[in-house]
């Protein structure tokens, strides 16, 4: 969980102590809830189709955006899909994709001298992933 790791859970403050130590600056992430579901449909002995969706809260508060430019994990929705084609009892080819739509979070800049209310930092992220794989079943069959 994010809250158990000081380097990730501590908010960004006006520098010293060292990152990761108690009371030191960090990314300010808080624990989040994630809700996800998926479905798989086997059309026949060779084709399988998959789809899924995940929603999570944003672990980054607007007061902690400055340091999170290094790790802007702000996406909240993930949409997935995939398919598999079984060539024979040992070989399967799979294709999967994931899309996370654009999400933004913004807040005031925090510098070593303290918060700068005259400058806003905005983080935004979207993601797309595509995977092609080949599986070999050493045991034979499914």
N, C-alpha and C. Protein backbone atom coordinates (compact mmCIF):
# COMPACT_ATOMS: atom_id res chain seq x y z
N UNK A 1 0.83 -1.18 0.00
CA UNK A 1 0.00 0.00 0.00
C UNK A 1 0.87 1.24 0.00
N UNK A 2 0.44 2.27 -0.70
CA UNK A 2 1.22 3.49 -0.82
C UNK A 2 1.52 4.11 0.55
N UNK A 3 0.53 4.09 1.43
CA UNK A 3 0.68 4.74 2.72
C UNK A 3 1.74 4.14 3.62
N UNK A 4 2.20 2.93 3.32
CA UNK A 4 3.21 2.26 4.15
C UNK A 4 4.64 2.59 3.76
N UNK A 5 4.85 3.31 2.67
CA UNK A 5 6.20 3.58 2.18
C UNK A 5 6.45 5.09 2.27
N UNK A 6 7.33 5.50 3.19
CA UNK A 6 7.55 6.93 3.43
C UNK A 6 7.90 7.71 2.17
N UNK A 7 8.76 7.16 1.31
CA UNK A 7 9.20 7.89 0.11
C UNK A 7 8.05 8.15 -0.84
N UNK A 8 7.01 7.35 -0.77
CA UNK A 8 5.86 7.54 -1.65
C UNK A 8 4.74 8.29 -0.93
N UNK A 9 4.53 8.02 0.34
CA UNK A 9 3.37 8.56 1.07
C UNK A 9 3.59 9.95 1.64
N UNK A 10 4.82 10.30 2.02
CA UNK A 10 5.05 11.62 2.62
C UNK A 10 4.78 12.72 1.60
N UNK A 11 4.14 13.82 2.03
CA UNK A 11 3.94 14.94 1.10
C UNK A 11 5.26 15.65 0.83
N UNK A 12 5.30 16.39 -0.28
CA UNK A 12 6.50 17.15 -0.64
C UNK A 12 6.55 18.39 0.23
N UNK A 13 7.66 18.57 0.92
CA UNK A 13 7.82 19.72 1.82
C UNK A 13 9.03 20.52 1.38
N UNK A 14 9.41 21.48 2.15
CA UNK A 14 10.59 22.29 1.83
C UNK A 14 11.85 21.56 2.26
N UNK A 15 12.49 20.94 1.40
CA UNK A 15 13.66 20.07 1.46
C UNK A 15 14.17 19.75 2.87
N UNK A 16 15.47 19.60 3.10
CA UNK A 16 16.09 18.44 3.76
C UNK A 16 15.12 17.52 4.43
N UNK A 17 15.14 16.78 5.34
CA UNK A 17 15.79 15.46 5.42
C UNK A 17 15.76 14.66 4.10
N UNK A 18 16.42 13.52 4.11
CA UNK A 18 16.55 12.70 2.91
C UNK A 18 15.24 12.01 2.54
N UNK A 19 15.03 11.85 1.24
CA UNK A 19 13.84 11.14 0.76
C UNK A 19 13.75 9.76 1.39
N UNK A 20 12.53 9.38 1.73
CA UNK A 20 12.30 8.04 2.25
C UNK A 20 12.46 7.91 3.75
N UNK A 21 12.98 8.94 4.41
CA UNK A 21 13.10 8.88 5.86
C UNK A 21 11.85 9.50 6.49
N UNK A 22 11.60 9.16 7.73
CA UNK A 22 10.42 9.65 8.42
C UNK A 22 10.40 11.18 8.46
N UNK A 23 9.29 11.77 8.05
CA UNK A 23 9.15 13.22 8.05
C UNK A 23 9.81 13.91 6.88
N UNK A 24 10.41 13.16 5.97
CA UNK A 24 11.10 13.73 4.81
C UNK A 24 10.11 13.94 3.68
N UNK A 25 10.50 14.70 2.65
CA UNK A 25 9.60 14.88 1.51
C UNK A 25 9.38 13.57 0.76
N UNK A 26 8.26 13.50 0.10
CA UNK A 26 7.92 12.33 -0.70
C UNK A 26 6.88 12.71 -1.73
N UNK A 27 6.35 11.71 -2.41
CA UNK A 27 5.38 11.96 -3.47
C UNK A 27 3.99 12.32 -2.93
N UNK A 28 3.71 12.01 -1.67
CA UNK A 28 2.42 12.36 -1.09
C UNK A 28 1.27 11.47 -1.51
N UNK A 29 1.57 10.29 -2.05
CA UNK A 29 0.51 9.38 -2.48
C UNK A 29 -0.23 8.84 -1.27
N UNK A 30 -1.53 8.69 -1.41
CA UNK A 30 -2.34 8.06 -0.36
C UNK A 30 -2.93 6.78 -0.92
N UNK A 31 -3.32 5.89 -0.03
CA UNK A 31 -3.91 4.62 -0.46
C UNK A 31 -5.18 4.89 -1.24
N UNK A 32 -5.44 4.05 -2.23
CA UNK A 32 -6.61 4.24 -3.09
C UNK A 32 -7.39 2.94 -3.19
N UNK A 33 -8.64 3.06 -3.58
CA UNK A 33 -9.47 1.90 -3.89
C UNK A 33 -9.48 1.72 -5.40
N UNK A 34 -9.46 0.47 -5.81
CA UNK A 34 -9.51 0.14 -7.23
C UNK A 34 -10.66 -0.83 -7.44
N UNK A 35 -11.48 -0.54 -8.42
CA UNK A 35 -12.60 -1.42 -8.77
C UNK A 35 -12.38 -1.87 -10.21
N UNK A 36 -12.43 -3.18 -10.42
CA UNK A 36 -12.24 -3.66 -11.79
C UNK A 36 -13.06 -4.90 -12.04
N UNK A 37 -13.37 -5.09 -13.30
CA UNK A 37 -14.09 -6.29 -13.70
C UNK A 37 -13.65 -6.65 -15.11
N UNK A 38 -13.87 -7.90 -15.45
CA UNK A 38 -13.50 -8.37 -16.76
C UNK A 38 -14.37 -9.54 -17.17
N UNK A 39 -14.33 -9.85 -18.43
CA UNK A 39 -15.11 -10.97 -18.96
C UNK A 39 -14.28 -11.69 -20.02
N UNK A 40 -14.52 -12.97 -20.11
CA UNK A 40 -13.85 -13.79 -21.13
C UNK A 40 -14.92 -14.63 -21.81
N UNK A 41 -14.86 -14.68 -23.13
CA UNK A 41 -15.82 -15.48 -23.89
C UNK A 41 -15.04 -16.38 -24.83
N UNK A 42 -15.26 -17.67 -24.69
CA UNK A 42 -14.64 -18.65 -25.60
C UNK A 42 -15.65 -18.95 -26.70
N UNK A 43 -15.37 -18.42 -27.86
CA UNK A 43 -16.29 -18.58 -28.98
C UNK A 43 -16.34 -20.04 -29.45
N UNK A 44 -15.19 -20.67 -29.48
CA UNK A 44 -15.08 -22.08 -29.86
C UNK A 44 -13.77 -22.61 -29.30
N UNK A 45 -13.28 -23.73 -29.81
CA UNK A 45 -12.05 -24.32 -29.28
C UNK A 45 -10.79 -23.53 -29.65
N UNK A 46 -10.89 -22.61 -30.58
CA UNK A 46 -9.69 -21.88 -31.00
C UNK A 46 -9.69 -20.40 -30.61
N UNK A 47 -10.84 -19.76 -30.56
CA UNK A 47 -10.91 -18.31 -30.31
C UNK A 47 -11.41 -18.00 -28.91
N UNK A 48 -10.72 -17.07 -28.24
CA UNK A 48 -11.13 -16.55 -26.94
C UNK A 48 -11.04 -15.02 -26.99
N UNK A 49 -12.06 -14.35 -26.48
CA UNK A 49 -12.09 -12.88 -26.46
C UNK A 49 -12.20 -12.40 -25.01
N UNK A 50 -11.52 -11.30 -24.71
CA UNK A 50 -11.49 -10.76 -23.35
C UNK A 50 -11.73 -9.25 -23.37
N UNK A 51 -12.38 -8.75 -22.32
CA UNK A 51 -12.58 -7.31 -22.16
C UNK A 51 -12.59 -6.99 -20.67
N UNK A 52 -12.16 -5.77 -20.35
CA UNK A 52 -12.14 -5.40 -18.94
C UNK A 52 -12.15 -3.89 -18.76
N UNK A 53 -12.43 -3.50 -17.53
CA UNK A 53 -12.46 -2.09 -17.17
C UNK A 53 -12.00 -1.97 -15.72
N UNK A 54 -11.21 -0.94 -15.43
CA UNK A 54 -10.79 -0.67 -14.06
C UNK A 54 -10.94 0.83 -13.78
N UNK A 55 -11.39 1.12 -12.57
CA UNK A 55 -11.47 2.50 -12.09
C UNK A 55 -10.71 2.58 -10.78
N UNK A 56 -9.87 3.58 -10.66
CA UNK A 56 -9.19 3.81 -9.39
C UNK A 56 -9.21 5.29 -9.06
N UNK A 57 -9.09 5.58 -7.79
CA UNK A 57 -9.00 6.96 -7.34
C UNK A 57 -7.61 7.48 -7.68
N UNK A 58 -7.47 8.79 -7.66
CA UNK A 58 -6.17 9.40 -7.92
C UNK A 58 -5.38 9.45 -6.61
N UNK A 59 -4.16 8.87 -6.56
CA UNK A 59 -3.39 8.88 -5.32
C UNK A 59 -2.70 10.21 -5.04
N UNK A 60 -2.76 11.15 -5.99
CA UNK A 60 -2.01 12.41 -5.87
C UNK A 60 -2.97 13.56 -5.57
N UNK A 61 -2.72 14.27 -4.49
CA UNK A 61 -3.51 15.45 -4.14
C UNK A 61 -2.97 16.67 -4.89
N UNK A 62 -3.79 17.69 -5.02
CA UNK A 62 -3.35 18.90 -5.73
C UNK A 62 -2.18 19.58 -5.02
N UNK A 63 -2.01 19.33 -3.73
CA UNK A 63 -0.89 19.94 -2.98
C UNK A 63 0.43 19.22 -3.23
N UNK A 64 0.40 18.10 -3.94
CA UNK A 64 1.62 17.30 -4.12
C UNK A 64 2.02 17.12 -5.58
N UNK A 65 1.56 17.99 -6.47
CA UNK A 65 1.84 17.79 -7.89
C UNK A 65 3.30 18.08 -8.27
N UNK A 66 3.98 18.97 -7.58
CA UNK A 66 5.33 19.39 -8.00
C UNK A 66 6.28 18.21 -8.12
N UNK A 67 6.45 17.43 -7.08
CA UNK A 67 7.39 16.31 -7.12
C UNK A 67 6.87 15.17 -8.00
N UNK A 68 5.56 15.06 -8.13
CA UNK A 68 4.99 13.97 -8.91
C UNK A 68 5.18 14.12 -10.41
N UNK A 69 5.84 15.18 -10.84
CA UNK A 69 6.21 15.27 -12.24
C UNK A 69 7.13 14.10 -12.60
N UNK A 70 7.79 13.51 -11.58
CA UNK A 70 8.66 12.34 -11.78
C UNK A 70 7.86 11.05 -11.90
N UNK A 71 6.68 11.00 -11.32
CA UNK A 71 5.86 9.78 -11.33
C UNK A 71 4.39 10.18 -11.40
N UNK A 72 3.94 10.65 -12.57
CA UNK A 72 2.59 11.21 -12.66
C UNK A 72 1.50 10.15 -12.83
N UNK A 73 1.38 9.26 -11.86
CA UNK A 73 0.39 8.18 -11.97
C UNK A 73 -1.01 8.65 -11.67
N UNK A 74 -1.59 9.44 -12.56
CA UNK A 74 -2.89 10.06 -12.30
C UNK A 74 -4.05 9.45 -13.08
N UNK A 75 -3.80 8.48 -13.95
CA UNK A 75 -4.89 7.91 -14.73
C UNK A 75 -5.88 7.20 -13.82
N UNK A 76 -7.17 7.32 -14.13
CA UNK A 76 -8.21 6.76 -13.28
C UNK A 76 -9.02 5.67 -13.97
N UNK A 77 -9.06 5.65 -15.28
CA UNK A 77 -9.85 4.67 -16.01
C UNK A 77 -8.91 3.86 -16.92
N UNK A 78 -9.09 2.55 -16.92
CA UNK A 78 -8.31 1.67 -17.79
C UNK A 78 -9.29 0.75 -18.51
N UNK A 79 -9.23 0.75 -19.82
CA UNK A 79 -10.10 -0.08 -20.65
C UNK A 79 -9.21 -1.08 -21.36
N UNK A 80 -9.54 -2.36 -21.24
CA UNK A 80 -8.69 -3.40 -21.81
C UNK A 80 -9.48 -4.33 -22.73
N UNK A 81 -8.77 -4.95 -23.63
CA UNK A 81 -9.37 -5.93 -24.52
C UNK A 81 -8.30 -6.86 -25.06
N UNK A 82 -8.71 -8.02 -25.46
CA UNK A 82 -7.74 -8.95 -26.00
C UNK A 82 -8.40 -10.14 -26.66
N UNK A 83 -7.57 -10.92 -27.31
CA UNK A 83 -8.04 -12.14 -27.94
C UNK A 83 -6.92 -13.17 -27.95
N UNK A 84 -7.32 -14.41 -28.06
CA UNK A 84 -6.35 -15.50 -28.15
C UNK A 84 -6.81 -16.45 -29.24
N UNK A 85 -5.84 -16.97 -29.99
CA UNK A 85 -6.12 -17.96 -31.02
C UNK A 85 -5.26 -19.18 -30.73
N UNK A 86 -5.92 -20.29 -30.44
CA UNK A 86 -5.19 -21.52 -30.13
C UNK A 86 -4.89 -22.27 -31.42
N UNK A 87 -3.59 -22.34 -31.74
CA UNK A 87 -3.16 -22.99 -32.97
C UNK A 87 -3.30 -24.50 -32.89
N UNK A 88 -2.92 -25.06 -31.73
CA UNK A 88 -3.06 -26.49 -31.45
C UNK A 88 -3.01 -26.66 -29.94
N UNK A 89 -2.89 -27.89 -29.44
CA UNK A 89 -2.96 -28.10 -27.99
C UNK A 89 -1.78 -27.49 -27.23
N UNK A 90 -0.71 -27.13 -27.91
CA UNK A 90 0.45 -26.56 -27.23
C UNK A 90 0.71 -25.08 -27.54
N UNK A 91 0.21 -24.56 -28.63
CA UNK A 91 0.57 -23.21 -29.07
C UNK A 91 -0.66 -22.30 -29.13
N UNK A 92 -0.51 -21.10 -28.51
CA UNK A 92 -1.55 -20.08 -28.55
C UNK A 92 -0.91 -18.73 -28.84
N UNK A 93 -1.54 -17.96 -29.70
CA UNK A 93 -1.10 -16.60 -29.99
C UNK A 93 -2.12 -15.66 -29.34
N UNK A 94 -1.61 -14.63 -28.62
CA UNK A 94 -2.50 -13.71 -27.92
C UNK A 94 -2.18 -12.26 -28.29
N UNK A 95 -3.21 -11.44 -28.32
CA UNK A 95 -3.08 -10.01 -28.56
C UNK A 95 -3.91 -9.30 -27.49
N UNK A 96 -3.32 -8.29 -26.84
CA UNK A 96 -4.05 -7.55 -25.80
C UNK A 96 -3.72 -6.07 -25.90
N UNK A 97 -4.67 -5.25 -25.52
CA UNK A 97 -4.47 -3.82 -25.54
C UNK A 97 -5.08 -3.16 -24.31
N UNK A 98 -4.54 -2.00 -23.96
CA UNK A 98 -5.04 -1.22 -22.82
C UNK A 98 -5.02 0.25 -23.21
N UNK A 99 -6.08 0.95 -22.84
CA UNK A 99 -6.16 2.39 -23.06
C UNK A 99 -6.59 3.06 -21.76
N UNK A 100 -5.86 4.07 -21.35
CA UNK A 100 -6.21 4.89 -20.19
C UNK A 100 -6.39 6.32 -20.69
N UNK A 101 -7.62 6.83 -20.70
CA UNK A 101 -7.87 8.18 -21.20
C UNK A 101 -7.14 9.25 -20.39
N UNK A 102 -6.99 10.40 -20.99
CA UNK A 102 -6.27 11.51 -20.38
C UNK A 102 -6.90 11.93 -19.05
N UNK A 103 -6.07 12.11 -18.05
CA UNK A 103 -6.49 12.60 -16.73
C UNK A 103 -5.52 13.69 -16.30
N UNK A 104 -6.03 14.73 -15.65
CA UNK A 104 -5.19 15.85 -15.21
C UNK A 104 -5.38 16.10 -13.72
N UNK A 105 -4.33 16.61 -13.09
CA UNK A 105 -4.41 17.12 -11.73
C UNK A 105 -3.48 18.32 -11.66
N UNK A 106 -3.90 19.38 -10.99
CA UNK A 106 -3.06 20.57 -10.91
C UNK A 106 -3.07 21.12 -9.49
N UNK A 107 -2.04 21.89 -9.19
CA UNK A 107 -1.91 22.51 -7.88
C UNK A 107 -0.79 23.52 -7.90
N UNK A 108 -0.59 24.21 -6.79
CA UNK A 108 0.46 25.23 -6.75
C UNK A 108 1.83 24.57 -6.68
N UNK A 109 2.81 25.27 -7.21
CA UNK A 109 4.19 24.80 -7.19
C UNK A 109 4.74 24.88 -5.76
N UNK A 110 5.47 23.83 -5.36
CA UNK A 110 6.15 23.84 -4.06
C UNK A 110 7.65 23.77 -4.35
N UNK A 111 8.39 24.76 -3.85
CA UNK A 111 9.84 24.84 -4.08
C UNK A 111 10.57 24.63 -2.76
N UNK A 112 11.91 24.50 -2.80
CA UNK A 112 12.64 24.39 -1.53
C UNK A 112 12.39 25.58 -0.60
N UNK A 113 12.03 26.72 -1.16
CA UNK A 113 11.75 27.90 -0.34
C UNK A 113 10.32 27.91 0.20
N UNK A 114 9.50 26.98 -0.27
CA UNK A 114 8.11 26.91 0.18
C UNK A 114 7.14 26.98 -0.98
N UNK A 115 5.83 26.99 -0.69
CA UNK A 115 4.83 27.05 -1.75
C UNK A 115 4.90 28.36 -2.53
N UNK A 116 4.67 28.26 -3.83
CA UNK A 116 4.64 29.43 -4.70
C UNK A 116 3.23 29.56 -5.26
N UNK A 117 2.37 30.34 -4.62
CA UNK A 117 0.97 30.44 -5.06
C UNK A 117 0.79 31.13 -6.41
N UNK A 118 1.87 31.68 -6.96
CA UNK A 118 1.77 32.39 -8.24
C UNK A 118 2.05 31.49 -9.44
N UNK A 119 2.38 30.23 -9.19
CA UNK A 119 2.67 29.31 -10.29
C UNK A 119 1.91 28.01 -10.06
N UNK A 120 1.24 27.55 -11.11
CA UNK A 120 0.48 26.30 -11.06
C UNK A 120 1.22 25.22 -11.84
N UNK A 121 1.26 24.04 -11.27
CA UNK A 121 1.83 22.87 -11.94
C UNK A 121 0.67 21.96 -12.32
N UNK A 122 0.67 21.48 -13.55
CA UNK A 122 -0.38 20.57 -14.00
C UNK A 122 0.24 19.28 -14.50
N UNK A 123 -0.25 18.17 -13.98
CA UNK A 123 0.17 16.85 -14.45
C UNK A 123 -0.95 16.28 -15.28
N UNK A 124 -0.61 15.64 -16.37
CA UNK A 124 -1.61 14.91 -17.13
C UNK A 124 -0.98 13.68 -17.73
N UNK A 125 -1.78 12.65 -17.87
CA UNK A 125 -1.26 11.40 -18.39
C UNK A 125 -2.37 10.64 -19.12
N UNK A 126 -1.99 10.01 -20.20
CA UNK A 126 -2.83 9.01 -20.85
C UNK A 126 -1.89 7.88 -21.23
N UNK A 127 -2.44 6.71 -21.40
CA UNK A 127 -1.60 5.55 -21.70
C UNK A 127 -2.26 4.68 -22.75
N UNK A 128 -1.40 4.01 -23.51
CA UNK A 128 -1.84 3.01 -24.47
C UNK A 128 -0.80 1.91 -24.47
N UNK A 129 -1.24 0.69 -24.38
CA UNK A 129 -0.31 -0.45 -24.40
C UNK A 129 -0.86 -1.51 -25.33
N UNK A 130 0.03 -2.17 -26.03
CA UNK A 130 -0.34 -3.25 -26.93
C UNK A 130 0.66 -4.37 -26.73
N UNK A 131 0.15 -5.58 -26.57
CA UNK A 131 1.01 -6.74 -26.33
C UNK A 131 0.64 -7.85 -27.29
N UNK A 132 1.66 -8.44 -27.88
CA UNK A 132 1.50 -9.61 -28.73
C UNK A 132 2.33 -10.72 -28.11
N UNK A 133 1.71 -11.86 -27.90
CA UNK A 133 2.44 -12.94 -27.24
C UNK A 133 2.18 -14.30 -27.86
N UNK A 134 3.10 -15.18 -27.60
CA UNK A 134 2.98 -16.57 -28.01
C UNK A 134 3.16 -17.42 -26.77
N UNK A 135 2.24 -18.32 -26.52
CA UNK A 135 2.30 -19.20 -25.36
C UNK A 135 2.54 -20.62 -25.80
N UNK A 136 3.39 -21.28 -25.04
CA UNK A 136 3.62 -22.71 -25.27
C UNK A 136 3.24 -23.45 -24.00
N UNK A 137 2.37 -24.43 -24.12
CA UNK A 137 1.93 -25.24 -23.00
C UNK A 137 2.76 -26.52 -22.97
N UNK A 138 3.66 -26.63 -22.00
CA UNK A 138 4.54 -27.79 -21.91
C UNK A 138 3.80 -29.05 -21.51
N UNK A 139 2.61 -28.90 -20.88
CA UNK A 139 1.86 -30.06 -20.43
C UNK A 139 0.95 -30.64 -21.49
N UNK A 140 0.74 -29.93 -22.57
CA UNK A 140 -0.18 -30.39 -23.60
C UNK A 140 -1.62 -30.13 -23.19
N UNK A 141 -2.47 -29.80 -24.11
CA UNK A 141 -3.88 -29.54 -23.81
C UNK A 141 -4.05 -28.28 -22.99
N UNK A 142 -5.29 -28.06 -22.53
CA UNK A 142 -5.56 -26.86 -21.71
C UNK A 142 -5.55 -27.23 -20.29
